[in-house]
Amino acid sequence: MGPGVRAAAPDATLPCSEDEFLARLGDCVRETRTLRKMSRRELGRKSGISERYIAQIEAGKGNVSIMLLLRIAQAIRCCR
């Protein structure tokens, strides 16, 4: 974390854990990519994100930033 950024304490009111959220997010990326009939390679090329990192995101292992999600969404054409 950079200067001036504090880690938030876990919130017991959240609907799921961070791991569960990342797994759900990965499932959504994979399902949407599959519905669009895109390979990971094609999504990587269109988004500028490596195919390997996309695989990590889809597996729930990548702690993806909002900006990378935007690039993925634009590449899948969910967001313009």
Protein backbone atom coordinates (compact mmCIF):
# COMPACT_ATOMS: atom_id res chain seq x y z
CA MET A 1 0.00 0.00 0.00
CA GLY A 2 1.12 3.52 -0.73
CA PRO A 3 1.59 6.38 1.70
CA GLY A 4 -1.57 7.56 3.36
CA VAL A 5 -3.48 4.36 2.53
CA ARG A 6 -4.64 2.31 5.48
CA ALA A 7 -5.85 -1.24 5.31
CA ALA A 8 -9.47 -1.47 6.31
CA ALA A 9 -10.38 -3.80 9.11
CA PRO A 10 -12.55 -6.74 8.04
CA ASP A 11 -16.21 -5.84 8.30
CA ALA A 12 -18.42 -8.51 9.84
CA THR A 13 -21.41 -7.09 7.92
CA LEU A 14 -19.96 -7.89 4.48
CA PRO A 15 -21.98 -10.52 2.61
CA CYS A 16 -18.90 -12.66 1.86
CA SER A 17 -15.18 -12.95 2.46
CA GLU A 18 -12.60 -11.38 0.14
CA ASP A 19 -11.67 -14.84 -1.15
CA GLU A 20 -15.30 -15.66 -1.90
CA PHE A 21 -15.78 -12.30 -3.62
CA LEU A 22 -12.71 -12.84 -5.82
CA ALA A 23 -13.93 -16.34 -6.70
CA ARG A 24 -17.36 -14.98 -7.68
CA LEU A 25 -15.76 -12.20 -9.69
CA GLY A 26 -13.58 -14.72 -11.51
CA ASP A 27 -16.63 -16.84 -12.28
CA CYS A 28 -18.40 -13.79 -13.73
CA VAL A 29 -15.44 -12.88 -15.93
CA ARG A 30 -15.11 -16.48 -17.20
CA GLU A 31 -18.85 -16.90 -17.82
CA THR A 32 -19.15 -13.60 -19.66
CA ARG A 33 -16.04 -14.30 -21.74
CA THR A 34 -17.42 -17.73 -22.62
CA LEU A 35 -20.84 -16.30 -23.55
CA ARG A 36 -19.06 -13.86 -25.87
CA LYS A 37 -17.21 -16.85 -27.38
CA MET A 38 -13.83 -15.37 -26.52
CA SER A 39 -10.68 -17.24 -25.60
CA ARG A 40 -8.46 -16.01 -22.80
CA ARG A 41 -5.89 -15.18 -25.45
CA GLU A 42 -8.35 -12.97 -27.34
CA LEU A 43 -9.51 -11.26 -24.14
CA GLY A 44 -5.89 -10.68 -23.19
CA ARG A 45 -5.08 -9.17 -26.56
CA LYS A 46 -8.12 -6.88 -26.52
CA SER A 47 -7.68 -5.79 -22.89
CA GLY A 48 -3.90 -5.53 -22.78
CA ILE A 49 -3.83 -7.97 -19.85
CA SER A 50 -1.76 -11.14 -20.05
CA GLU A 51 -3.58 -14.39 -20.69
CA ARG A 52 -1.90 -15.79 -17.58
CA TYR A 53 -3.24 -12.97 -15.37
CA ILE A 54 -6.73 -13.40 -16.81
CA ALA A 55 -6.50 -17.08 -15.85
CA GLN A 56 -5.54 -16.04 -12.31
CA ILE A 57 -8.49 -13.64 -12.12
CA GLU A 58 -10.87 -16.32 -13.37
CA ALA A 59 -9.49 -18.72 -10.75
CA GLY A 60 -10.17 -16.17 -8.01
CA LYS A 61 -6.44 -15.72 -7.34
CA GLY A 62 -5.84 -12.26 -8.80
CA ASN A 63 -6.61 -9.26 -6.62
CA VAL A 64 -7.69 -7.19 -9.61
CA SER A 65 -7.90 -3.39 -9.64
CA ILE A 66 -10.95 -1.42 -10.72
CA MET A 67 -9.05 -0.16 -13.78
CA LEU A 68 -8.19 -3.70 -14.89
CA LEU A 69 -11.85 -4.66 -14.48
CA LEU A 70 -12.77 -1.71 -16.68
CA ARG A 71 -10.32 -2.88 -19.36
CA ILE A 72 -11.77 -6.40 -19.19
CA ALA A 73 -15.34 -5.08 -19.39
CA GLN A 74 -14.49 -2.89 -22.38
CA ALA A 75 -12.76 -5.78 -24.14
CA ILE A 76 -15.80 -8.02 -23.55
CA ARG A 77 -17.98 -5.08 -24.60
CA CYS A 78 -19.95 -4.95 -21.35
CA CYS A 79 -19.00 -1.32 -20.87
CA ARG A 80 -18.14 1.42 -23.33
